[in-house]
Amino acid sequence: MTGLELGGLAPDFTLRDQFGQDVTLSSFRGQKAVAIFFYPWAFSGVCTGEMAGIRDRLAEFLTFDTEVLAISCDPVYSLRAFADQDGLNFPLLSDFWPHGEVARSYDVFDDTKGVARRSSYVVDKEGVVRWSVHNALPDGRDLDEHLKQLAAAL
């Protein structure tokens, strides 16, 4: 698992959020940095903890004028139920169809499991990838340390 090279333009995408609204990465260009979190499964233990950690620290991202986008290959309806159940108040984007296309463009799709690998990126206001981290499946990592590293990259 390699992911994208730092310093290059982030692949643009348009995906639907948990409310069925289109979200386009390039729409933030010139306005906000974007923290992109790929995660494998809504409702799984590790992913639920990770998304709750992001929710709990969302104000930190906003302080850095950063949009938070979380992407999985789950369908929109599952993401809506996941967001409602856990009070996730940031965009959960569905890379369901074509299945994993955006995760593939970021080189984080696991063909064997059919899901995005747990990976995070910081894309600056010009659309350039400035920071990334990739984690093995299904293991998570210390979320607090991960979020601190991401905040430092902003």
Protein backbone atom coordinates (compact mmCIF):
# COMPACT_ATOMS: atom_id res chain seq x y z
CA MET A 1 0.00 0.00 0.00
CA THR A 2 1.63 3.18 -1.17
CA GLY A 3 -0.98 5.91 -1.53
CA LEU A 4 -0.31 9.13 -3.40
CA GLU A 5 2.98 10.97 -3.53
CA LEU A 6 3.22 14.10 -1.45
CA GLY A 7 3.45 17.33 -3.42
CA GLY A 8 1.18 16.27 -6.28
CA LEU A 9 -2.37 17.36 -7.01
CA ALA A 10 -5.01 15.33 -5.23
CA PRO A 11 -7.29 13.44 -7.62
CA ASP A 12 -10.55 15.35 -7.88
CA PHE A 13 -13.83 13.59 -7.16
CA THR A 14 -17.52 14.16 -6.68
CA LEU A 15 -19.28 11.81 -4.27
CA ARG A 16 -22.64 11.85 -2.51
CA ASP A 17 -22.79 12.49 1.20
CA GLN A 18 -25.09 10.87 3.76
CA PHE A 19 -27.86 13.28 2.70
CA GLY A 20 -27.55 12.47 -1.01
CA GLN A 21 -25.84 15.79 -1.80
CA ASP A 22 -22.86 15.94 -4.15
CA VAL A 23 -19.56 17.00 -2.61
CA THR A 24 -16.68 17.88 -4.97
CA LEU A 25 -13.13 18.09 -3.69
CA SER A 26 -12.11 20.88 -6.08
CA SER A 27 -14.96 23.09 -4.79
CA PHE A 28 -12.79 23.78 -1.71
CA ARG A 29 -9.77 24.88 -3.78
CA GLY A 30 -8.67 28.39 -2.91
CA GLN A 31 -10.91 28.41 0.18
CA LYS A 32 -10.09 25.57 2.59
CA ALA A 33 -7.66 22.77 3.22
CA VAL A 34 -9.32 19.35 3.25
CA ALA A 35 -8.68 16.43 5.59
CA ILE A 36 -9.73 13.22 3.82
CA PHE A 37 -10.26 10.08 5.88
CA PHE A 38 -10.74 6.78 4.04
CA TYR A 39 -12.23 4.07 6.24
CA PRO A 40 -13.39 0.54 5.43
CA TRP A 41 -16.74 -0.09 7.13
CA ALA A 42 -19.53 1.94 8.70
CA PHE A 43 -20.72 0.44 12.00
CA SER A 44 -17.53 -1.60 12.58
CA GLY A 45 -15.84 -1.15 15.96
CA VAL A 46 -12.62 0.52 14.81
CA CYS A 47 -14.33 2.77 12.25
CA THR A 48 -17.03 3.81 14.69
CA GLY A 49 -14.35 4.82 17.20
CA GLU A 50 -12.36 6.64 14.53
CA MET A 51 -15.35 8.63 13.26
CA ALA A 52 -16.44 9.45 16.82
CA GLY A 53 -12.92 10.72 17.52
CA ILE A 54 -13.08 12.96 14.49
CA ARG A 55 -16.53 14.20 15.57
CA ASP A 56 -15.21 14.97 19.04
CA ARG A 57 -12.29 16.97 17.62
CA LEU A 58 -14.12 18.63 14.73
CA ALA A 59 -13.70 22.10 16.25
CA GLU A 60 -9.91 21.72 15.94
CA PHE A 61 -10.21 21.15 12.20
CA LEU A 62 -12.52 24.12 11.81
CA THR A 63 -10.01 26.26 13.69
CA PHE A 64 -7.51 25.46 10.93
CA ASP A 65 -10.10 26.39 8.26
CA THR A 66 -10.22 22.76 7.15
CA GLU A 67 -13.09 20.75 5.70
CA VAL A 68 -13.34 17.15 6.92
CA LEU A 69 -14.45 14.46 4.45
CA ALA A 70 -14.73 10.79 5.39
CA ILE A 71 -14.99 8.26 2.54
CA SER A 72 -16.04 4.61 2.54
CA CYS A 73 -17.46 2.21 -0.04
CA ASP A 74 -20.71 1.92 1.92
CA PRO A 75 -23.95 3.04 0.21
CA VAL A 76 -25.43 6.46 1.01
CA TYR A 77 -28.30 4.97 3.04
CA SER A 78 -25.90 3.10 5.34
CA LEU A 79 -23.88 6.27 5.82
CA ARG A 80 -27.02 8.19 6.79
CA ALA A 81 -27.91 5.58 9.42
CA PHE A 82 -24.29 5.55 10.66
CA ALA A 83 -24.21 9.36 10.94
CA ASP A 84 -27.58 9.49 12.69
CA GLN A 85 -26.70 6.74 15.15
CA ASP A 86 -23.37 8.26 16.16
CA GLY A 87 -24.07 11.98 15.72
CA LEU A 88 -21.48 12.34 12.95
CA ASN A 89 -21.86 15.95 11.84
CA PHE A 90 -19.40 16.06 8.94
CA PRO A 91 -19.71 14.69 5.39
CA LEU A 92 -19.59 10.91 5.07
CA LEU A 93 -19.08 10.25 1.36
CA SER A 94 -20.12 7.12 -0.49
CA ASP A 95 -17.60 5.59 -2.90
CA PHE A 96 -20.09 2.80 -3.52
CA TRP A 97 -20.46 2.99 -7.30
CA PRO A 98 -18.44 2.61 -9.36
CA HIS A 99 -17.27 0.59 -6.38
CA GLY A 100 -14.14 2.08 -4.84
CA GLU A 101 -13.29 4.32 -7.79
CA VAL A 102 -12.09 7.21 -5.63
CA ALA A 103 -10.21 4.91 -3.24
CA ARG A 104 -8.48 3.40 -6.28
CA SER A 105 -7.53 6.87 -7.55
CA TYR A 106 -5.86 7.48 -4.16
CA ASP A 107 -4.24 4.01 -4.32
CA VAL A 108 -5.93 2.88 -1.09
CA PHE A 109 -8.48 0.32 -2.35
CA ASP A 110 -8.08 -3.23 -1.05
CA ASP A 111 -9.18 -5.48 -3.94
CA THR A 112 -9.29 -8.58 -1.74
CA LYS A 113 -11.67 -7.09 0.85
CA GLY A 114 -13.48 -4.71 -1.50
CA VAL A 115 -13.02 -1.69 0.79
CA ALA A 116 -10.90 1.40 1.23
CA ARG A 117 -7.85 0.95 3.42
CA ARG A 118 -7.70 3.13 6.52
CA SER A 119 -5.80 6.13 5.11
CA SER A 120 -5.78 9.87 5.68
CA TYR A 121 -4.67 12.82 3.58
CA VAL A 122 -4.30 16.55 4.03
CA VAL A 123 -4.93 18.49 0.83
CA ASP A 124 -3.94 22.16 0.97
CA LYS A 125 -5.96 25.10 -0.35
CA GLU A 126 -4.34 24.71 -3.78
CA GLY A 127 -5.35 21.04 -4.03
CA VAL A 128 -1.88 19.64 -3.32
CA VAL A 129 -1.39 16.54 -1.12
CA ARG A 130 0.75 17.70 1.82
CA TRP A 131 0.49 14.81 4.32
CA SER A 132 -0.69 11.22 4.41
CA VAL A 133 -0.74 8.15 6.62
CA HIS A 134 -1.82 4.59 5.82
CA ASN A 135 -2.81 1.85 8.25
CA ALA A 136 -3.26 -1.88 7.87
CA LEU A 137 -6.68 -3.52 7.82
CA PRO A 138 -8.48 -4.26 10.05
CA ASP A 139 -6.24 -2.79 12.72
CA GLY A 140 -6.62 0.83 13.69
CA ARG A 141 -3.94 2.93 15.30
CA ASP A 142 -3.86 5.28 18.22
CA LEU A 143 -6.55 7.71 17.06
CA ASP A 144 -5.53 10.56 19.33
CA GLU A 145 -1.93 10.46 18.08
CA HIS A 146 -3.15 10.17 14.50
CA LEU A 147 -5.38 13.25 14.83
CA LYS A 148 -2.58 15.22 16.51
CA GLN A 149 -0.28 14.42 13.59
CA LEU A 150 -2.96 15.45 11.13
CA ALA A 151 -3.62 18.73 12.96
CA ALA A 152 0.13 19.46 12.96
CA ALA A 153 0.15 18.95 9.18
CA LEU A 154 -2.50 21.66 8.75
